[in-house]
N, C-alpha and C. Protein backbone atom coordinates (compact mmCIF):
# COMPACT_ATOMS: atom_id res chain seq x y z
N MET A 1 -22.85 2.92 -6.18
CA MET A 1 -22.54 3.67 -4.98
C MET A 1 -21.09 3.44 -4.58
N GLU A 2 -20.40 4.46 -4.27
CA GLU A 2 -18.99 4.39 -3.91
C GLU A 2 -18.85 3.94 -2.45
N ASN A 3 -17.93 2.99 -2.22
CA ASN A 3 -17.68 2.52 -0.86
C ASN A 3 -16.88 3.56 -0.10
N LYS A 4 -17.30 3.80 1.12
CA LYS A 4 -16.60 4.76 1.96
C LYS A 4 -15.32 4.14 2.49
N LEU A 5 -14.24 4.90 2.42
CA LEU A 5 -12.97 4.42 2.94
C LEU A 5 -12.98 4.51 4.46
N ILE A 6 -12.43 3.48 5.09
CA ILE A 6 -12.24 3.49 6.53
C ILE A 6 -10.83 2.96 6.81
N TYR A 7 -10.32 3.25 7.98
CA TYR A 7 -9.01 2.73 8.34
C TYR A 7 -9.14 1.75 9.49
N GLU A 8 -8.20 0.85 9.55
CA GLU A 8 -8.09 -0.09 10.67
C GLU A 8 -6.65 -0.12 11.12
N LYS A 9 -6.45 -0.28 12.41
CA LYS A 9 -5.09 -0.44 12.91
C LYS A 9 -4.57 -1.80 12.46
N TYR A 10 -3.32 -1.82 12.04
CA TYR A 10 -2.67 -3.05 11.60
C TYR A 10 -2.16 -3.80 12.83
N LYS A 11 -2.73 -4.97 13.08
CA LYS A 11 -2.33 -5.82 14.20
C LYS A 11 -2.32 -5.06 15.53
N GLY A 12 -3.25 -4.11 15.67
CA GLY A 12 -3.37 -3.36 16.91
C GLY A 12 -2.33 -2.28 17.13
N LEU A 13 -1.48 -2.05 16.13
CA LEU A 13 -0.43 -1.04 16.27
C LEU A 13 -0.99 0.36 16.05
N ASP A 14 -0.53 1.30 16.84
CA ASP A 14 -1.01 2.68 16.71
C ASP A 14 -0.40 3.41 15.52
N ASN A 15 0.78 3.00 15.08
CA ASN A 15 1.48 3.76 14.04
C ASN A 15 1.39 3.14 12.65
N ILE A 16 0.58 2.08 12.50
CA ILE A 16 0.36 1.50 11.16
C ILE A 16 -1.13 1.29 10.98
N ILE A 17 -1.67 1.85 9.91
CA ILE A 17 -3.08 1.63 9.59
C ILE A 17 -3.20 1.10 8.17
N THR A 18 -4.30 0.40 7.93
CA THR A 18 -4.61 -0.09 6.59
C THR A 18 -5.91 0.58 6.12
N ILE A 19 -5.95 0.83 4.82
CA ILE A 19 -7.13 1.45 4.22
C ILE A 19 -7.47 0.66 2.96
N ASP A 20 -8.57 -0.07 2.98
CA ASP A 20 -9.02 -0.84 1.82
C ASP A 20 -9.56 0.13 0.78
N LEU A 21 -9.00 0.09 -0.42
CA LEU A 21 -9.43 0.99 -1.49
C LEU A 21 -10.66 0.48 -2.24
N HIS A 22 -11.13 -0.73 -1.92
CA HIS A 22 -12.30 -1.34 -2.55
C HIS A 22 -12.08 -1.61 -4.04
N ASN A 23 -10.82 -1.86 -4.41
CA ASN A 23 -10.49 -2.19 -5.81
C ASN A 23 -9.45 -3.32 -5.85
N ASP A 24 -9.48 -4.16 -4.83
CA ASP A 24 -8.53 -5.28 -4.65
C ASP A 24 -7.18 -4.82 -4.13
N TYR A 25 -7.07 -3.56 -3.71
CA TYR A 25 -5.82 -3.04 -3.17
C TYR A 25 -6.07 -2.35 -1.84
N THR A 26 -5.02 -2.35 -1.03
CA THR A 26 -5.05 -1.71 0.29
C THR A 26 -3.84 -0.81 0.42
N ILE A 27 -4.04 0.31 1.08
CA ILE A 27 -2.95 1.21 1.42
C ILE A 27 -2.54 0.92 2.85
N ILE A 28 -1.25 0.81 3.07
CA ILE A 28 -0.69 0.68 4.42
C ILE A 28 0.04 1.98 4.71
N ALA A 29 -0.34 2.65 5.78
CA ALA A 29 0.28 3.92 6.16
C ALA A 29 1.05 3.71 7.46
N ILE A 30 2.34 4.03 7.40
CA ILE A 30 3.22 3.90 8.56
C ILE A 30 3.61 5.30 9.01
N SER A 31 3.34 5.60 10.27
CA SER A 31 3.61 6.95 10.76
C SER A 31 4.65 6.94 11.88
N SER A 32 5.35 8.06 11.97
CA SER A 32 6.30 8.28 13.06
C SER A 32 6.31 9.76 13.38
N GLN A 33 6.57 10.08 14.62
CA GLN A 33 6.58 11.47 15.03
C GLN A 33 8.00 12.02 14.98
N ASP A 34 8.12 13.20 14.37
CA ASP A 34 9.40 13.91 14.37
C ASP A 34 9.49 14.64 15.70
N LYS A 35 10.42 14.23 16.53
CA LYS A 35 10.53 14.78 17.90
C LYS A 35 10.90 16.26 17.91
N GLU A 36 11.58 16.74 16.88
CA GLU A 36 11.98 18.15 16.84
C GLU A 36 10.81 19.06 16.49
N THR A 37 9.98 18.63 15.55
CA THR A 37 8.88 19.49 15.08
C THR A 37 7.53 19.10 15.66
N ASN A 38 7.43 17.89 16.21
CA ASN A 38 6.17 17.30 16.68
C ASN A 38 5.20 17.00 15.53
N TYR A 39 5.66 17.09 14.28
CA TYR A 39 4.85 16.71 13.14
C TYR A 39 4.97 15.21 12.96
N TYR A 40 4.08 14.67 12.14
CA TYR A 40 4.12 13.24 11.85
C TYR A 40 4.56 13.02 10.42
N ASN A 41 5.48 12.11 10.23
CA ASN A 41 5.92 11.68 8.91
C ASN A 41 5.22 10.37 8.61
N VAL A 42 4.69 10.27 7.40
CA VAL A 42 3.93 9.09 7.01
C VAL A 42 4.45 8.59 5.67
N GLU A 43 4.62 7.29 5.58
CA GLU A 43 4.95 6.69 4.29
C GLU A 43 3.83 5.73 3.93
N LEU A 44 3.48 5.72 2.64
CA LEU A 44 2.40 4.87 2.14
C LEU A 44 2.97 3.71 1.35
N HIS A 45 2.34 2.56 1.54
CA HIS A 45 2.66 1.35 0.80
C HIS A 45 1.38 0.82 0.17
N LEU A 46 1.53 0.10 -0.93
CA LEU A 46 0.41 -0.51 -1.63
C LEU A 46 0.50 -2.01 -1.50
N LYS A 47 -0.65 -2.65 -1.28
CA LYS A 47 -0.70 -4.10 -1.16
C LYS A 47 -1.87 -4.62 -1.98
N GLU A 48 -1.60 -5.56 -2.87
CA GLU A 48 -2.68 -6.26 -3.57
C GLU A 48 -3.25 -7.24 -2.56
N ASN A 49 -4.57 -7.33 -2.46
CA ASN A 49 -5.18 -8.03 -1.34
C ASN A 49 -4.96 -9.54 -1.29
N THR A 50 -4.53 -10.16 -2.40
CA THR A 50 -4.27 -11.60 -2.37
C THR A 50 -2.78 -11.92 -2.22
N VAL A 51 -1.95 -10.90 -2.18
CA VAL A 51 -0.51 -11.09 -2.09
C VAL A 51 0.00 -10.38 -0.83
N ASP A 52 0.78 -11.08 -0.03
CA ASP A 52 1.28 -10.48 1.20
C ASP A 52 2.63 -9.82 0.95
N GLU A 53 2.59 -8.75 0.16
CA GLU A 53 3.80 -7.99 -0.14
C GLU A 53 3.44 -6.51 -0.24
N TRP A 54 4.15 -5.71 0.51
CA TRP A 54 3.92 -4.26 0.51
C TRP A 54 4.90 -3.61 -0.45
N LYS A 55 4.37 -2.73 -1.30
CA LYS A 55 5.21 -1.99 -2.25
C LYS A 55 5.20 -0.51 -1.85
N LEU A 56 6.38 0.04 -1.67
CA LEU A 56 6.50 1.45 -1.32
C LEU A 56 5.96 2.32 -2.44
N ILE A 57 5.20 3.34 -2.09
CA ILE A 57 4.74 4.35 -3.04
C ILE A 57 5.73 5.50 -2.91
N GLU A 58 6.69 5.53 -3.83
CA GLU A 58 7.82 6.45 -3.72
C GLU A 58 7.42 7.91 -3.58
N LYS A 59 6.40 8.32 -4.29
CA LYS A 59 6.00 9.72 -4.23
C LYS A 59 5.14 10.02 -3.00
N ALA A 60 5.00 9.05 -2.14
CA ALA A 60 4.25 9.25 -0.89
C ALA A 60 5.00 8.58 0.26
N GLU A 61 6.32 8.66 0.22
CA GLU A 61 7.10 8.02 1.27
C GLU A 61 7.51 8.98 2.37
N ASN A 62 7.17 10.25 2.23
CA ASN A 62 7.50 11.21 3.28
C ASN A 62 6.44 12.32 3.34
N LEU A 63 5.22 11.91 3.63
CA LEU A 63 4.14 12.88 3.78
C LEU A 63 4.20 13.45 5.19
N VAL A 64 3.99 14.73 5.31
CA VAL A 64 4.07 15.39 6.62
C VAL A 64 2.67 15.83 7.03
N PHE A 65 2.32 15.48 8.26
CA PHE A 65 1.02 15.86 8.82
C PHE A 65 1.25 16.70 10.06
N LYS A 66 0.66 17.89 10.05
CA LYS A 66 0.80 18.82 11.17
C LYS A 66 -0.48 18.80 12.00
N VAL A 67 -0.75 17.65 12.59
CA VAL A 67 -1.96 17.45 13.40
C VAL A 67 -1.56 16.81 14.72
N ASN A 68 -2.50 16.81 15.66
CA ASN A 68 -2.20 16.11 16.91
C ASN A 68 -2.45 14.60 16.72
N GLU A 69 -1.96 13.84 17.65
CA GLU A 69 -1.99 12.37 17.53
C GLU A 69 -3.42 11.84 17.34
N LYS A 70 -4.38 12.44 18.00
CA LYS A 70 -5.76 11.96 17.92
C LYS A 70 -6.38 12.18 16.54
N ARG A 71 -5.89 13.13 15.79
CA ARG A 71 -6.43 13.44 14.46
C ARG A 71 -5.61 12.83 13.32
N LEU A 72 -4.48 12.21 13.65
CA LEU A 72 -3.56 11.73 12.62
C LEU A 72 -4.21 10.73 11.67
N ASN A 73 -4.81 9.67 12.19
CA ASN A 73 -5.36 8.64 11.31
C ASN A 73 -6.48 9.17 10.42
N ALA A 74 -7.30 10.07 10.97
CA ALA A 74 -8.35 10.68 10.16
C ALA A 74 -7.74 11.55 9.05
N ALA A 75 -6.66 12.25 9.36
CA ALA A 75 -5.98 13.08 8.36
C ALA A 75 -5.36 12.21 7.26
N ILE A 76 -4.77 11.09 7.65
CA ILE A 76 -4.20 10.16 6.67
C ILE A 76 -5.31 9.63 5.77
N LEU A 77 -6.43 9.22 6.37
CA LEU A 77 -7.57 8.70 5.61
C LEU A 77 -8.07 9.73 4.59
N LYS A 78 -8.18 10.96 5.02
CA LYS A 78 -8.63 12.03 4.13
C LYS A 78 -7.65 12.23 2.97
N LYS A 79 -6.36 12.19 3.25
CA LYS A 79 -5.33 12.34 2.22
C LYS A 79 -5.39 11.18 1.22
N VAL A 80 -5.52 9.97 1.73
CA VAL A 80 -5.60 8.79 0.85
C VAL A 80 -6.85 8.88 -0.03
N ALA A 81 -7.97 9.30 0.52
CA ALA A 81 -9.19 9.44 -0.28
C ALA A 81 -8.99 10.46 -1.40
N LYS A 82 -8.34 11.57 -1.08
CA LYS A 82 -8.08 12.60 -2.09
C LYS A 82 -7.15 12.06 -3.18
N LEU A 83 -6.09 11.37 -2.77
CA LEU A 83 -5.16 10.80 -3.75
C LEU A 83 -5.86 9.76 -4.63
N LEU A 84 -6.71 8.95 -4.04
CA LEU A 84 -7.45 7.94 -4.80
C LEU A 84 -8.36 8.61 -5.82
N ASN A 85 -9.10 9.62 -5.40
CA ASN A 85 -10.02 10.31 -6.30
C ASN A 85 -9.29 11.03 -7.43
N ASN A 86 -8.05 11.44 -7.20
CA ASN A 86 -7.26 12.12 -8.23
C ASN A 86 -6.50 11.16 -9.13
N GLY A 87 -6.64 9.84 -8.91
CA GLY A 87 -5.98 8.85 -9.75
C GLY A 87 -4.50 8.66 -9.42
N PHE A 88 -4.06 9.19 -8.29
CA PHE A 88 -2.65 9.11 -7.90
C PHE A 88 -2.14 7.68 -7.82
N PHE A 89 -2.95 6.76 -7.34
CA PHE A 89 -2.51 5.38 -7.13
C PHE A 89 -2.52 4.54 -8.41
N ASP A 90 -3.12 5.04 -9.49
CA ASP A 90 -3.25 4.25 -10.72
C ASP A 90 -1.90 3.75 -11.24
N TYR A 91 -0.91 4.62 -11.28
CA TYR A 91 0.42 4.23 -11.75
C TYR A 91 0.97 3.08 -10.91
N TYR A 92 0.84 3.18 -9.60
CA TYR A 92 1.40 2.17 -8.70
C TYR A 92 0.63 0.86 -8.80
N ILE A 93 -0.67 0.94 -8.99
CA ILE A 93 -1.47 -0.28 -9.18
C ILE A 93 -1.09 -0.94 -10.49
N ASP A 94 -0.97 -0.17 -11.56
CA ASP A 94 -0.57 -0.72 -12.86
C ASP A 94 0.81 -1.38 -12.76
N ARG A 95 1.73 -0.73 -12.08
CA ARG A 95 3.07 -1.28 -11.93
C ARG A 95 3.04 -2.58 -11.12
N TYR A 96 2.25 -2.60 -10.06
CA TYR A 96 2.11 -3.80 -9.23
C TYR A 96 1.56 -4.96 -10.07
N GLU A 97 0.52 -4.69 -10.85
CA GLU A 97 -0.08 -5.72 -11.69
C GLU A 97 0.90 -6.23 -12.74
N TYR A 98 1.70 -5.33 -13.30
CA TYR A 98 2.72 -5.73 -14.26
C TYR A 98 3.75 -6.65 -13.61
N GLU A 99 4.19 -6.30 -12.40
CA GLU A 99 5.15 -7.14 -11.68
C GLU A 99 4.57 -8.52 -11.38
N LEU A 100 3.29 -8.57 -11.02
CA LEU A 100 2.65 -9.86 -10.76
C LEU A 100 2.58 -10.70 -12.04
N LYS A 101 2.27 -10.05 -13.17
CA LYS A 101 2.23 -10.78 -14.45
C LYS A 101 3.62 -11.29 -14.82
N CYS A 102 4.64 -10.47 -14.62
CA CYS A 102 6.01 -10.89 -14.91
C CYS A 102 6.39 -12.08 -14.05
N PHE A 103 6.02 -12.04 -12.78
CA PHE A 103 6.30 -13.16 -11.89
C PHE A 103 5.61 -14.43 -12.41
N ASP A 104 4.33 -14.31 -12.80
CA ASP A 104 3.60 -15.48 -13.28
C ASP A 104 4.26 -16.08 -14.52
N VAL A 105 4.67 -15.23 -15.46
CA VAL A 105 5.34 -15.71 -16.68
C VAL A 105 6.66 -16.40 -16.32
N GLY A 106 7.46 -15.75 -15.49
CA GLY A 106 8.73 -16.34 -15.07
C GLY A 106 8.53 -17.63 -14.31
N ASN A 107 7.53 -17.67 -13.45
CA ASN A 107 7.25 -18.88 -12.69
C ASN A 107 6.84 -20.02 -13.62
N ASP A 108 6.01 -19.71 -14.62
CA ASP A 108 5.60 -20.73 -15.59
C ASP A 108 6.81 -21.31 -16.31
N ILE A 109 7.74 -20.46 -16.72
CA ILE A 109 8.97 -20.91 -17.40
C ILE A 109 9.79 -21.80 -16.47
N CYS A 110 9.97 -21.37 -15.24
CA CYS A 110 10.76 -22.15 -14.27
C CYS A 110 10.11 -23.50 -13.98
N GLU A 111 8.79 -23.50 -13.84
CA GLU A 111 8.09 -24.76 -13.58
C GLU A 111 8.20 -25.71 -14.77
N LYS A 112 8.09 -25.17 -15.99
CA LYS A 112 8.21 -25.99 -17.18
C LYS A 112 9.61 -26.61 -17.25
N GLU A 113 10.64 -25.79 -16.99
CA GLU A 113 12.03 -26.29 -17.00
C GLU A 113 12.23 -27.33 -15.91
N ARG A 114 11.65 -27.10 -14.73
CA ARG A 114 11.80 -28.04 -13.63
C ARG A 114 11.16 -29.38 -13.98
N LEU A 115 9.95 -29.32 -14.54
CA LEU A 115 9.24 -30.55 -14.88
C LEU A 115 9.93 -31.30 -16.02
N GLU A 116 10.43 -30.57 -17.00
CA GLU A 116 11.18 -31.20 -18.10
C GLU A 116 12.45 -31.82 -17.58
N GLY A 117 13.07 -31.18 -16.62
CA GLY A 117 14.29 -31.73 -16.01
C GLY A 117 14.01 -33.00 -15.24
N ASP A 118 12.84 -33.08 -14.61
CA ASP A 118 12.47 -34.28 -13.85
C ASP A 118 12.20 -35.46 -14.79
N VAL A 119 11.71 -35.16 -16.00
CA VAL A 119 11.37 -36.22 -16.95
C VAL A 119 12.64 -36.83 -17.52
N LEU A 120 13.64 -36.02 -17.77
CA LEU A 120 14.87 -36.51 -18.39
C LEU A 120 15.60 -37.31 -17.43
């Protein structure tokens, strides 16, 4: 059974919501209102749930929503669900995992050098 996506306000803020993708990743959506058009601009970030680092999703850094404020978060949730179902986030998740693996390899090398340096 597929888990239903829900959103939560990030630290009680009205313009940042989080959406758990139920795959060890969370989407962070940051919104702002364009005062000239009254539309909302939204940028999406990806976060691996065990790492406190947000990665910008470049192809979703300027999504425009033409809804009223009360419908904005529901519209963002619907968009994220559609993108998830279409595999849109796969590239960004793969890239994030690659960066984490690179960090682990580099960290292992640095730790080995540090420990060898302490022995000498």
